Amino acid sequence: MSPKELVLDFYKNDLILNKSEVNEFLHEDLMIEWNSSKGFVQMNRQDLLNLSDELSKAYVRSKMRITHVIQEGNMISIRYSHFVKTIENPREEMLLAHFCVIWEVKDNKLYRGYQMSQFS
């Protein structure tokens, strides 16, 4: 699988809500540097798995609307909007945030992520 295909598979609908599926994509030494509208966060593999767990408790559906994907070697840039449906209101789709991420792929796993996001 190419690095681009790996990243696109990671952003498939609902995958982020399934911790065991997320786990399959993550390198043991994963690190994400995340600049959000709430500040800077650095996350390791376990932090991302914990986030997946938390998201699955709040949302019944997760959809990524990807607008851009660019590959240069083992580096993939992706721009997308993340939409969710909450447990309280599963009929209404809500824009959670806009994201831009640069992923470095190593050993066919997500290794380093540099992410920026802004809540809707």
Protein backbone atom coordinates (compact mmCIF):
# COMPACT_ATOMS: atom_id res chain seq x y z
CA MET A 1 0.00 0.00 0.00
CA SER A 2 1.36 3.43 -0.91
CA PRO A 3 1.69 6.15 1.77
CA LYS A 4 -1.15 8.06 0.09
CA GLU A 5 -3.44 5.01 0.15
CA LEU A 6 -2.58 4.42 3.82
CA VAL A 7 -3.51 7.98 4.80
CA LEU A 8 -6.72 7.90 2.76
CA ASP A 9 -7.70 4.59 4.38
CA PHE A 10 -7.08 6.10 7.83
CA TYR A 11 -9.59 8.86 7.10
CA LYS A 12 -12.37 6.49 6.00
CA ASN A 13 -15.77 7.20 7.51
CA ASP A 14 -16.17 6.08 11.13
CA LEU A 15 -12.68 4.57 11.43
CA ILE A 16 -11.64 7.11 14.10
CA LEU A 17 -14.50 5.82 16.28
CA ASN A 18 -13.02 2.31 16.35
CA LYS A 19 -9.95 2.13 18.58
CA SER A 20 -8.86 -1.32 17.34
CA GLU A 21 -8.98 -0.19 13.70
CA VAL A 22 -7.10 3.03 14.52
CA ASN A 23 -4.45 0.94 16.26
CA GLU A 24 -3.68 -0.90 13.01
CA PHE A 25 -2.51 2.34 11.35
CA LEU A 26 -0.23 3.67 14.09
CA HIS A 27 3.52 3.25 14.34
CA GLU A 28 4.80 2.29 17.81
CA ASP A 29 6.72 5.60 18.00
CA LEU A 30 3.91 7.78 16.65
CA MET A 31 4.01 11.47 17.59
CA ILE A 32 1.57 14.20 16.57
CA GLU A 33 2.20 17.91 16.99
CA TRP A 34 -1.24 19.53 16.93
CA ASN A 35 -1.87 23.26 16.76
CA SER A 36 -5.55 23.94 17.37
CA SER A 37 -7.67 26.97 18.15
CA LYS A 38 -7.31 25.86 21.79
CA GLY A 39 -3.49 25.71 21.75
CA PHE A 40 -0.64 23.27 21.13
CA VAL A 41 -0.87 19.58 22.01
CA GLN A 42 1.69 16.83 21.52
CA MET A 43 0.21 13.34 21.33
CA ASN A 44 1.80 9.89 21.28
CA ARG A 45 0.26 6.64 20.10
CA GLN A 46 -1.61 5.95 23.34
CA ASP A 47 -2.98 9.51 23.43
CA LEU A 48 -4.45 9.04 19.96
CA LEU A 49 -5.99 5.71 20.94
CA ASN A 50 -7.51 7.38 24.01
CA LEU A 51 -8.90 10.14 21.79
CA SER A 52 -10.51 7.51 19.56
CA ASP A 53 -12.12 5.99 22.65
CA GLU A 54 -13.47 9.37 23.77
CA LEU A 55 -14.84 10.21 20.33
CA SER A 56 -16.68 6.88 20.17
CA LYS A 57 -18.48 7.75 23.41
CA ALA A 58 -19.79 11.05 22.05
CA TYR A 59 -20.46 10.36 18.36
CA VAL A 60 -22.35 7.68 16.44
CA ARG A 61 -21.02 8.71 13.04
CA SER A 62 -17.85 10.35 11.77
CA LYS A 63 -17.23 11.53 8.21
CA MET A 64 -14.19 13.21 6.71
CA ARG A 65 -14.79 15.36 3.62
CA ILE A 66 -11.36 15.45 2.02
CA THR A 67 -10.60 18.36 -0.32
CA HIS A 68 -6.84 18.01 -0.90
CA VAL A 69 -4.27 15.19 -0.80
CA ILE A 70 -0.67 15.75 -1.84
CA GLN A 71 2.14 13.20 -1.72
CA GLU A 72 5.87 13.80 -1.82
CA GLY A 73 7.78 10.61 -1.10
CA ASN A 74 6.65 9.26 2.27
CA MET A 75 5.07 12.60 3.27
CA ILE A 76 1.33 13.10 2.70
CA SER A 77 -0.58 16.35 3.19
CA ILE A 78 -4.33 16.13 3.62
CA ARG A 79 -6.96 18.82 4.09
CA TYR A 80 -10.43 17.87 5.26
CA SER A 81 -13.51 18.85 7.23
CA HIS A 82 -14.67 16.50 9.98
CA PHE A 83 -18.41 15.99 10.33
CA VAL A 84 -20.05 14.04 13.16
CA LYS A 85 -23.43 12.89 14.40
CA THR A 86 -23.87 12.98 18.16
CA ILE A 87 -25.45 10.32 20.32
CA GLU A 88 -28.00 12.90 21.46
CA ASN A 89 -28.99 13.87 17.93
CA PRO A 90 -28.00 11.10 15.47
CA ARG A 91 -30.08 12.55 12.62
CA GLU A 92 -28.21 15.84 12.38
CA GLU A 93 -24.75 16.04 10.87
CA MET A 94 -22.57 18.69 12.49
CA LEU A 95 -19.28 20.19 11.32
CA LEU A 96 -16.76 19.54 14.08
CA ALA A 97 -13.66 21.24 12.65
CA HIS A 98 -11.44 21.87 9.64
CA PHE A 99 -8.05 20.14 9.54
CA CYS A 100 -4.79 20.25 7.63
CA VAL A 101 -2.30 17.47 8.41
CA ILE A 102 1.11 16.47 7.13
CA TRP A 103 1.83 12.80 7.81
CA GLU A 104 5.17 11.04 7.61
CA VAL A 105 4.72 7.34 6.89
CA LYS A 106 7.32 4.85 8.17
CA ASP A 107 7.15 1.06 7.97
CA ASN A 108 3.71 1.45 6.29
CA LYS A 109 2.33 3.11 9.45
CA LEU A 110 1.52 6.69 10.48
CA TYR A 111 4.71 7.86 12.16
CA ARG A 112 4.80 11.67 12.53
CA GLY A 113 1.86 14.03 12.19
CA TYR A 114 1.86 17.81 12.02
CA GLN A 115 -1.72 18.99 12.33
CA MET A 116 -3.58 22.29 12.44
CA SER A 117 -7.29 22.57 13.13
CA GLN A 118 -9.96 25.14 13.68
CA PHE A 119 -13.36 24.50 15.20
CA SER A 120 -16.32 25.40 13.03
